[in-house]
Amino acid sequence: MNSCQRCYFRNIAWGLCAAVFLCVATGVSAQTVHKQVDSEGRTTYTDRPETTASAQTAAVPALEATNAPASVLIISSRRAATINANEAARRLGQAQLRRKEGMQPLPGEHAQGTGAGAVNHRYWRRQEKLRIVVEQAQRRSNETGRLQLAQR
């Protein structure tokens, strides 16, 4: 058996092993996690429910440890709306500043063989992109502002 055949069989073996591991990994599912609080107040998370009646137990999903009260959720959504509105306003300011600073033609944006004031299609394409970015930022700022007013 020459070295090319060994490499070929080795590559096939590695591929089969990888396929087997991927198939095994897809069969793993999420499990229920049980929260147990003993009489001294110590909390333990386990995959098996407590059989004794002395401890308080509650089954919680694997990815969700606790459920927040409704009042906390309302406060967090208001805070999230405020942060979102502030971020939208900041991005709008940046877009407007970039457009204002981008009014001057860059090198390569002057038309060839004409007066110094003439610009070519590259300048106008860049200006159009800057205008679109400002419009999108303005639209997002308006939407977040309306959402923030609606939550009051």
Protein backbone atom coordinates (compact mmCIF):
# COMPACT_ATOMS: atom_id res chain seq x y z
CA MET A 1 0.00 0.00 0.00
CA ASN A 2 1.59 3.28 -1.04
CA SER A 3 1.39 6.57 0.81
CA CYS A 4 -1.38 8.01 -1.43
CA GLN A 5 -3.68 5.11 -0.60
CA ARG A 6 -2.96 5.48 3.12
CA CYS A 7 -3.79 9.20 2.95
CA TYR A 8 -6.99 8.38 1.09
CA PHE A 9 -8.11 5.82 3.68
CA ARG A 10 -7.05 8.08 6.55
CA ASN A 11 -9.14 10.94 5.12
CA ILE A 12 -12.14 8.63 4.76
CA ALA A 13 -11.71 7.42 8.35
CA TRP A 14 -11.52 11.00 9.67
CA GLY A 15 -14.60 11.94 7.67
CA LEU A 16 -16.56 8.98 9.02
CA CYS A 17 -15.52 9.79 12.60
CA ALA A 18 -16.58 13.41 12.16
CA ALA A 19 -19.94 12.33 10.71
CA VAL A 20 -20.54 9.94 13.62
CA PHE A 21 -19.75 12.64 16.19
CA LEU A 22 -22.07 15.11 14.45
CA CYS A 23 -24.89 12.56 14.38
CA VAL A 24 -24.40 11.78 18.07
CA ALA A 25 -24.32 15.48 18.98
CA THR A 26 -27.62 16.19 17.21
CA GLY A 27 -29.38 13.61 19.36
CA VAL A 28 -28.63 15.53 22.57
CA SER A 29 -31.67 17.45 23.76
CA ALA A 30 -32.27 20.08 26.42
CA GLN A 31 -33.11 18.72 29.85
CA THR A 32 -35.32 20.05 32.60
CA VAL A 33 -33.46 21.63 35.48
CA HIS A 34 -34.98 21.30 38.95
CA LYS A 35 -34.40 24.01 41.53
CA GLN A 36 -34.32 22.79 45.11
CA VAL A 37 -34.24 24.96 48.21
CA ASP A 38 -33.51 23.18 51.47
CA SER A 39 -34.68 24.16 54.97
CA GLU A 40 -31.59 26.36 55.50
CA GLY A 41 -32.27 28.34 52.32
CA ARG A 42 -29.51 26.85 50.18
CA THR A 43 -30.43 26.57 46.50
CA THR A 44 -29.37 23.59 44.42
CA TYR A 45 -29.98 22.98 40.70
CA THR A 46 -30.15 19.37 39.58
CA ASP A 47 -31.45 17.19 36.77
CA ARG A 48 -33.47 14.96 39.17
CA PRO A 49 -36.52 16.06 41.14
CA GLU A 50 -36.33 15.89 44.94
CA THR A 51 -38.29 12.95 46.35
CA THR A 52 -38.62 14.30 49.90
CA ALA A 53 -41.38 16.77 50.76
CA SER A 54 -39.14 18.90 53.00
CA ALA A 55 -37.54 20.91 50.21
CA GLN A 56 -39.31 23.37 47.93
CA THR A 57 -38.85 22.32 44.32
CA ALA A 58 -39.69 24.03 41.07
CA ALA A 59 -38.95 22.81 37.57
CA VAL A 60 -37.48 25.54 35.40
CA PRO A 61 -36.44 25.38 31.75
CA ALA A 62 -32.74 24.82 31.14
CA LEU A 63 -32.14 28.25 29.62
CA GLU A 64 -34.36 30.29 31.96
CA ALA A 65 -33.24 30.41 35.57
CA THR A 66 -35.87 32.79 36.98
CA ASN A 67 -38.91 34.69 35.80
CA ALA A 68 -38.86 38.42 36.45
CA PRO A 69 -41.93 40.14 37.92
CA ALA A 70 -44.08 42.13 35.51
CA SER A 71 -43.08 45.47 37.06
CA VAL A 72 -39.41 44.79 36.32
CA LEU A 73 -40.26 43.92 32.72
CA ILE A 74 -42.12 47.20 32.24
CA ILE A 75 -39.22 49.18 33.66
CA SER A 76 -36.72 47.33 31.51
CA SER A 77 -38.73 47.86 28.34
CA ARG A 78 -38.98 51.58 29.09
CA ARG A 79 -35.26 51.72 29.72
CA ALA A 80 -34.63 49.76 26.53
CA ALA A 81 -36.84 52.17 24.58
CA THR A 82 -34.93 55.13 26.03
CA ILE A 83 -31.59 53.59 25.17
CA ASN A 84 -32.83 52.75 21.67
CA ALA A 85 -34.07 56.33 21.14
CA ASN A 86 -30.78 57.77 22.40
CA GLU A 87 -28.80 55.47 20.09
CA ALA A 88 -31.00 56.45 17.13
CA ALA A 89 -30.47 60.14 17.87
CA ARG A 90 -26.71 59.61 18.17
CA ARG A 91 -26.56 57.77 14.85
CA LEU A 92 -28.65 60.47 13.18
CA GLY A 93 -26.23 63.13 14.43
CA GLN A 94 -23.27 61.13 13.13
CA ALA A 95 -24.90 60.64 9.73
CA GLN A 96 -25.72 64.34 9.43
CA LEU A 97 -22.16 65.27 10.42
CA ARG A 98 -20.69 62.83 7.86
CA ARG A 99 -22.92 64.30 5.17
CA LYS A 100 -21.95 67.87 6.10
CA GLU A 101 -18.24 66.97 6.09
CA GLY A 102 -18.65 65.04 2.83
CA MET A 103 -19.93 68.02 0.82
CA GLN A 104 -16.47 68.85 -0.49
CA PRO A 105 -15.31 66.78 -3.48
CA LEU A 106 -12.63 64.22 -2.73
CA PRO A 107 -9.60 63.63 -4.96
CA GLY A 108 -10.75 61.86 -8.10
CA GLU A 109 -14.24 63.36 -7.97
CA HIS A 110 -13.45 66.34 -10.22
CA ALA A 111 -14.49 66.13 -13.85
CA GLN A 112 -11.59 65.80 -16.29
CA GLY A 113 -10.83 68.73 -18.59
CA THR A 114 -13.48 71.12 -17.25
CA GLY A 115 -13.50 73.96 -14.81
CA ALA A 116 -12.33 73.49 -11.23
CA GLY A 117 -15.92 73.54 -9.90
CA ALA A 118 -17.27 70.62 -11.95
CA VAL A 119 -17.60 67.22 -10.30
CA ASN A 120 -18.12 63.77 -11.81
CA HIS A 121 -20.54 60.91 -11.17
CA ARG A 122 -18.47 59.53 -8.26
CA TYR A 123 -19.19 62.67 -6.23
CA TRP A 124 -22.93 62.46 -6.90
CA ARG A 125 -23.04 58.73 -6.11
CA ARG A 126 -21.29 59.37 -2.77
CA GLN A 127 -23.67 62.23 -2.01
CA GLU A 128 -26.66 59.99 -2.74
CA LYS A 129 -25.33 57.31 -0.38
CA LEU A 130 -24.81 59.90 2.36
CA ARG A 131 -28.36 61.21 1.82
CA ILE A 132 -29.81 57.70 2.08
CA VAL A 133 -27.92 57.02 5.32
CA VAL A 134 -29.25 60.26 6.82
CA GLU A 135 -32.81 59.41 5.74
CA GLN A 136 -32.59 55.92 7.26
CA ALA A 137 -31.22 57.34 10.51
CA GLN A 138 -33.98 59.98 10.54
CA ARG A 139 -36.63 57.29 9.98
CA ARG A 140 -35.25 55.16 12.82
CA SER A 141 -35.08 58.16 15.13
CA ASN A 142 -38.69 59.03 14.36
CA GLU A 143 -39.86 55.44 14.96
CA THR A 144 -38.05 55.11 18.29
CA GLY A 145 -39.36 58.49 19.36
CA ARG A 146 -42.93 57.42 18.58
CA LEU A 147 -42.46 54.14 20.46
CA GLN A 148 -41.12 56.01 23.45
CA LEU A 149 -44.10 58.38 23.44
CA ALA A 150 -46.51 55.45 23.13
CA GLN A 151 -45.11 53.85 26.30
CA ARG A 152 -45.77 56.91 28.46
